[in-house]
Amino acid sequence: MKKIIVTLLALSTLGAIAFPSHAQDTGNSQTGTNVSTVDGNGNRVQQSNRQSIDTGRGRRGRGDEVNLQDALNDSDVKGNRNNVDQRNDQRIRSRR
């Protein structure tokens, strides 16, 4: 009977020990903004946003992963023969 009590006490003590967490939560945020105001004739505006997030996980990665990308191109054009070229390139590569 004493062996059973000692065993139960030993197991309950092991259950109370806190083990370190290996959650490895990650978060990435990128914001790109281009704003132009053109007043006149024959103007050219070229705006480009390129954002890339490349994340790799080890064998122990069990946590949450949050990736946020936001891009804004805004133009206010007045006049004749104006040219506005706006581009966004957003990529997320996530490996687990």
N, C-alpha and C. Protein backbone atom coordinates (compact mmCIF):
# COMPACT_ATOMS: atom_id res chain seq x y z
N MET A 1 0.82 -1.18 0.00
CA MET A 1 0.00 0.00 0.00
C MET A 1 0.87 1.26 0.00
N LYS A 2 2.01 1.23 0.72
CA LYS A 2 2.89 2.38 0.78
C LYS A 2 3.49 2.66 -0.61
N LYS A 3 3.78 1.62 -1.38
CA LYS A 3 4.35 1.82 -2.71
C LYS A 3 3.35 2.53 -3.62
N ILE A 4 2.09 2.19 -3.51
CA ILE A 4 1.06 2.82 -4.34
C ILE A 4 0.93 4.30 -3.97
N ILE A 5 0.94 4.63 -2.70
CA ILE A 5 0.82 6.02 -2.25
C ILE A 5 2.04 6.83 -2.71
N VAL A 6 3.24 6.25 -2.56
CA VAL A 6 4.46 6.95 -2.99
C VAL A 6 4.44 7.16 -4.50
N THR A 7 3.99 6.18 -5.25
CA THR A 7 3.90 6.30 -6.70
C THR A 7 2.92 7.39 -7.10
N LEU A 8 1.76 7.43 -6.47
CA LEU A 8 0.77 8.46 -6.76
C LEU A 8 1.29 9.86 -6.42
N LEU A 9 1.99 9.99 -5.32
CA LEU A 9 2.57 11.28 -4.95
C LEU A 9 3.63 11.71 -5.96
N ALA A 10 4.44 10.76 -6.42
CA ALA A 10 5.48 11.07 -7.40
C ALA A 10 4.86 11.52 -8.72
N LEU A 11 3.83 10.83 -9.17
CA LEU A 11 3.17 11.20 -10.43
C LEU A 11 2.47 12.55 -10.32
N SER A 12 1.84 12.84 -9.19
CA SER A 12 1.17 14.12 -9.04
C SER A 12 2.18 15.27 -8.98
N THR A 13 3.37 15.01 -8.43
CA THR A 13 4.42 16.03 -8.41
C THR A 13 4.94 16.31 -9.82
N LEU A 14 5.13 15.26 -10.62
CA LEU A 14 5.58 15.45 -11.99
C LEU A 14 4.55 16.22 -12.82
N GLY A 15 3.28 15.98 -12.55
CA GLY A 15 2.23 16.69 -13.28
C GLY A 15 2.17 18.16 -12.94
N ALA A 16 2.68 18.58 -11.80
CA ALA A 16 2.64 19.97 -11.38
C ALA A 16 3.81 20.78 -11.91
N ILE A 17 4.83 20.13 -12.46
CA ILE A 17 6.00 20.83 -12.98
C ILE A 17 5.62 21.51 -14.29
N ALA A 18 5.99 22.76 -14.44
CA ALA A 18 5.70 23.51 -15.67
C ALA A 18 6.80 23.26 -16.69
N PHE A 19 6.42 22.84 -17.87
CA PHE A 19 7.36 22.63 -18.95
C PHE A 19 7.36 23.86 -19.85
N PRO A 20 8.50 24.25 -20.40
CA PRO A 20 8.54 25.43 -21.26
C PRO A 20 7.75 25.21 -22.54
N SER A 21 7.12 26.26 -23.01
CA SER A 21 6.31 26.19 -24.22
C SER A 21 7.18 26.43 -25.45
N HIS A 22 6.90 25.71 -26.50
CA HIS A 22 7.60 25.88 -27.76
C HIS A 22 6.62 26.30 -28.85
N ALA A 23 5.74 27.22 -28.53
CA ALA A 23 4.70 27.61 -29.47
C ALA A 23 5.26 28.33 -30.69
N GLN A 24 6.26 29.16 -30.52
CA GLN A 24 6.92 29.88 -31.60
C GLN A 24 5.92 30.64 -32.47
N ASP A 25 5.07 31.45 -31.86
CA ASP A 25 4.15 32.28 -32.61
C ASP A 25 4.93 33.34 -33.37
N THR A 26 4.55 33.60 -34.61
CA THR A 26 5.23 34.62 -35.41
C THR A 26 4.20 35.54 -36.04
N GLY A 27 4.61 36.78 -36.25
CA GLY A 27 3.75 37.75 -36.91
C GLY A 27 4.57 38.69 -37.78
N ASN A 28 4.09 38.94 -38.98
CA ASN A 28 4.77 39.84 -39.91
C ASN A 28 3.74 40.82 -40.45
N SER A 29 4.13 42.08 -40.51
CA SER A 29 3.25 43.11 -41.05
C SER A 29 4.05 44.02 -41.95
N GLN A 30 3.52 44.29 -43.15
CA GLN A 30 4.18 45.19 -44.09
C GLN A 30 3.14 46.14 -44.66
N THR A 31 3.51 47.40 -44.77
CA THR A 31 2.64 48.40 -45.36
C THR A 31 3.42 49.23 -46.36
N GLY A 32 2.90 49.39 -47.55
CA GLY A 32 3.53 50.21 -48.57
C GLY A 32 2.52 51.21 -49.11
N THR A 33 2.89 52.48 -49.16
CA THR A 33 1.98 53.53 -49.62
C THR A 33 2.70 54.45 -50.59
N ASN A 34 2.08 54.68 -51.74
CA ASN A 34 2.57 55.65 -52.70
C ASN A 34 1.42 56.61 -53.02
N VAL A 35 1.67 57.90 -52.90
CA VAL A 35 0.67 58.91 -53.20
C VAL A 35 1.31 59.94 -54.11
N SER A 36 0.60 60.30 -55.19
CA SER A 36 1.12 61.34 -56.08
C SER A 36 -0.01 62.28 -56.48
N THR A 37 0.36 63.54 -56.67
CA THR A 37 -0.57 64.56 -57.15
C THR A 37 0.07 65.20 -58.38
N VAL A 38 -0.63 65.13 -59.50
CA VAL A 38 -0.10 65.66 -60.74
C VAL A 38 -1.04 66.75 -61.24
N ASP A 39 -0.46 67.93 -61.51
CA ASP A 39 -1.23 69.05 -62.04
C ASP A 39 -0.45 69.62 -63.22
N GLY A 40 -0.95 69.42 -64.41
CA GLY A 40 -0.26 69.90 -65.60
C GLY A 40 -0.46 68.95 -66.75
N ASN A 41 0.31 69.13 -67.79
CA ASN A 41 0.17 68.35 -69.01
C ASN A 41 1.44 67.55 -69.29
N GLY A 42 1.26 66.34 -69.83
CA GLY A 42 2.37 65.53 -70.29
C GLY A 42 3.24 64.96 -69.17
N ASN A 43 2.68 64.75 -68.03
CA ASN A 43 3.45 64.19 -66.91
C ASN A 43 3.34 62.68 -66.89
N ARG A 44 4.35 62.04 -66.31
CA ARG A 44 4.34 60.58 -66.18
C ARG A 44 4.63 60.22 -64.74
N VAL A 45 3.79 59.34 -64.16
CA VAL A 45 3.96 58.87 -62.79
C VAL A 45 4.05 57.35 -62.83
N GLN A 46 5.08 56.80 -62.20
CA GLN A 46 5.23 55.36 -62.10
C GLN A 46 5.40 55.01 -60.63
N GLN A 47 4.47 54.20 -60.11
CA GLN A 47 4.51 53.80 -58.70
C GLN A 47 4.51 52.28 -58.62
N SER A 48 5.33 51.77 -57.71
CA SER A 48 5.44 50.32 -57.59
C SER A 48 5.63 49.94 -56.13
N ASN A 49 4.91 48.93 -55.68
CA ASN A 49 5.09 48.35 -54.36
C ASN A 49 5.41 46.87 -54.53
N ARG A 50 6.48 46.41 -53.89
CA ARG A 50 6.79 44.98 -53.89
C ARG A 50 7.05 44.57 -52.45
N GLN A 51 6.26 43.61 -51.99
CA GLN A 51 6.39 43.12 -50.63
C GLN A 51 6.49 41.61 -50.66
N SER A 52 7.39 41.09 -49.85
CA SER A 52 7.60 39.65 -49.82
C SER A 52 7.84 39.20 -48.38
N ILE A 53 7.16 38.16 -47.98
CA ILE A 53 7.37 37.54 -46.67
C ILE A 53 7.70 36.08 -46.93
N ASP A 54 8.83 35.63 -46.43
CA ASP A 54 9.26 34.24 -46.59
C ASP A 54 9.54 33.68 -45.21
N THR A 55 8.70 32.79 -44.75
CA THR A 55 8.88 32.22 -43.43
C THR A 55 9.13 30.72 -43.54
N GLY A 56 10.01 30.24 -42.71
CA GLY A 56 10.31 28.81 -42.66
C GLY A 56 10.19 28.33 -41.24
N ARG A 57 9.72 27.15 -41.06
CA ARG A 57 9.53 26.59 -39.74
C ARG A 57 10.43 25.40 -39.55
N GLY A 58 10.88 25.23 -38.34
CA GLY A 58 11.63 24.04 -37.99
C GLY A 58 10.69 22.89 -37.69
N ARG A 59 11.24 21.81 -37.27
CA ARG A 59 10.42 20.64 -36.96
C ARG A 59 9.54 20.88 -35.75
N ARG A 60 9.93 21.79 -34.87
CA ARG A 60 9.19 21.98 -33.62
C ARG A 60 8.15 23.10 -33.72
N GLY A 61 8.06 23.78 -34.86
CA GLY A 61 7.15 24.92 -34.97
C GLY A 61 5.69 24.50 -34.91
N ARG A 62 5.04 24.84 -33.84
CA ARG A 62 3.63 24.47 -33.66
C ARG A 62 2.75 25.71 -33.44
N GLY A 63 3.34 26.88 -33.46
CA GLY A 63 2.60 28.08 -33.11
C GLY A 63 1.80 28.64 -34.26
N ASP A 64 1.12 29.74 -33.97
CA ASP A 64 0.33 30.42 -34.98
C ASP A 64 1.22 31.33 -35.82
N GLU A 65 0.80 31.56 -37.04
CA GLU A 65 1.55 32.43 -37.93
C GLU A 65 0.58 33.43 -38.54
N VAL A 66 0.89 34.71 -38.42
CA VAL A 66 0.04 35.76 -38.97
C VAL A 66 0.89 36.62 -39.91
N ASN A 67 0.45 36.77 -41.14
CA ASN A 67 1.13 37.61 -42.12
C ASN A 67 0.12 38.61 -42.68
N LEU A 68 0.49 39.88 -42.67
CA LEU A 68 -0.40 40.93 -43.13
C LEU A 68 0.36 41.83 -44.08
N GLN A 69 -0.20 42.03 -45.26
CA GLN A 69 0.39 42.93 -46.24
C GLN A 69 -0.68 43.92 -46.70
N ASP A 70 -0.29 45.19 -46.79
CA ASP A 70 -1.22 46.23 -47.20
C ASP A 70 -0.48 47.17 -48.14
N ALA A 71 -1.04 47.41 -49.30
CA ALA A 71 -0.41 48.31 -50.27
C ALA A 71 -1.46 49.27 -50.80
N LEU A 72 -1.07 50.54 -50.94
CA LEU A 72 -1.97 51.57 -51.45
C LEU A 72 -1.23 52.43 -52.46
N ASN A 73 -1.77 52.53 -53.66
CA ASN A 73 -1.30 53.47 -54.66
C ASN A 73 -2.45 54.43 -54.94
N ASP A 74 -2.17 55.73 -54.83
CA ASP A 74 -3.21 56.74 -55.01
C ASP A 74 -2.66 57.86 -55.86
N SER A 75 -3.43 58.28 -56.86
CA SER A 75 -3.01 59.39 -57.72
C SER A 75 -4.18 60.34 -57.93
N ASP A 76 -3.86 61.62 -57.92
CA ASP A 76 -4.81 62.68 -58.23
C ASP A 76 -4.23 63.43 -59.42
N VAL A 77 -4.83 63.25 -60.59
CA VAL A 77 -4.26 63.77 -61.83
C VAL A 77 -5.20 64.81 -62.44
N LYS A 78 -4.64 65.97 -62.78
CA LYS A 78 -5.38 67.03 -63.49
C LYS A 78 -4.53 67.46 -64.68
N GLY A 79 -5.14 67.53 -65.84
CA GLY A 79 -4.41 67.98 -67.02
C GLY A 79 -4.61 67.02 -68.17
N ASN A 80 -3.84 67.21 -69.21
CA ASN A 80 -3.95 66.41 -70.43
C ASN A 80 -2.66 65.63 -70.68
N ARG A 81 -2.81 64.51 -71.37
CA ARG A 81 -1.68 63.67 -71.79
C ARG A 81 -0.80 63.22 -70.63
N ASN A 82 -1.41 62.92 -69.50
CA ASN A 82 -0.68 62.40 -68.34
C ASN A 82 -0.73 60.87 -68.35
N ASN A 83 0.29 60.25 -67.83
CA ASN A 83 0.37 58.79 -67.80
C ASN A 83 0.67 58.35 -66.36
N VAL A 84 -0.17 57.46 -65.82
CA VAL A 84 0.02 56.94 -64.47
C VAL A 84 0.11 55.42 -64.56
N ASP A 85 1.19 54.85 -64.01
CA ASP A 85 1.40 53.40 -64.00
C ASP A 85 1.56 52.97 -62.54
N GLN A 86 0.64 52.16 -62.05
CA GLN A 86 0.67 51.71 -60.66
C GLN A 86 0.70 50.19 -60.62
N ARG A 87 1.58 49.63 -59.78
CA ARG A 87 1.72 48.17 -59.67
C ARG A 87 1.88 47.75 -58.21
N ASN A 88 1.31 46.61 -57.89
CA ASN A 88 1.49 45.98 -56.58
C ASN A 88 1.88 44.53 -56.80
N ASP A 89 2.89 44.09 -56.09
CA ASP A 89 3.33 42.69 -56.13
C ASP A 89 3.50 42.23 -54.69
N GLN A 90 2.62 41.37 -54.23
CA GLN A 90 2.67 40.89 -52.85
C GLN A 90 2.76 39.37 -52.86
N ARG A 91 3.72 38.85 -52.09
CA ARG A 91 3.92 37.40 -52.04
C ARG A 91 4.16 36.96 -50.60
N ILE A 92 3.59 35.84 -50.27
CA ILE A 92 3.84 35.19 -48.97
C ILE A 92 4.20 33.74 -49.24
N ARG A 93 5.34 33.33 -48.74
CA ARG A 93 5.75 31.93 -48.86
C ARG A 93 5.93 31.40 -47.45
N SER A 94 5.12 30.44 -47.10
CA SER A 94 5.16 29.90 -45.74
C SER A 94 5.38 28.39 -45.82
N ARG A 95 6.43 27.94 -45.14
CA ARG A 95 6.76 26.52 -45.11
C ARG A 95 6.59 26.00 -43.69
N ARG A 96 6.02 24.86 -43.57
CA ARG A 96 5.85 24.23 -42.25
C ARG A 96 6.58 22.93 -42.20
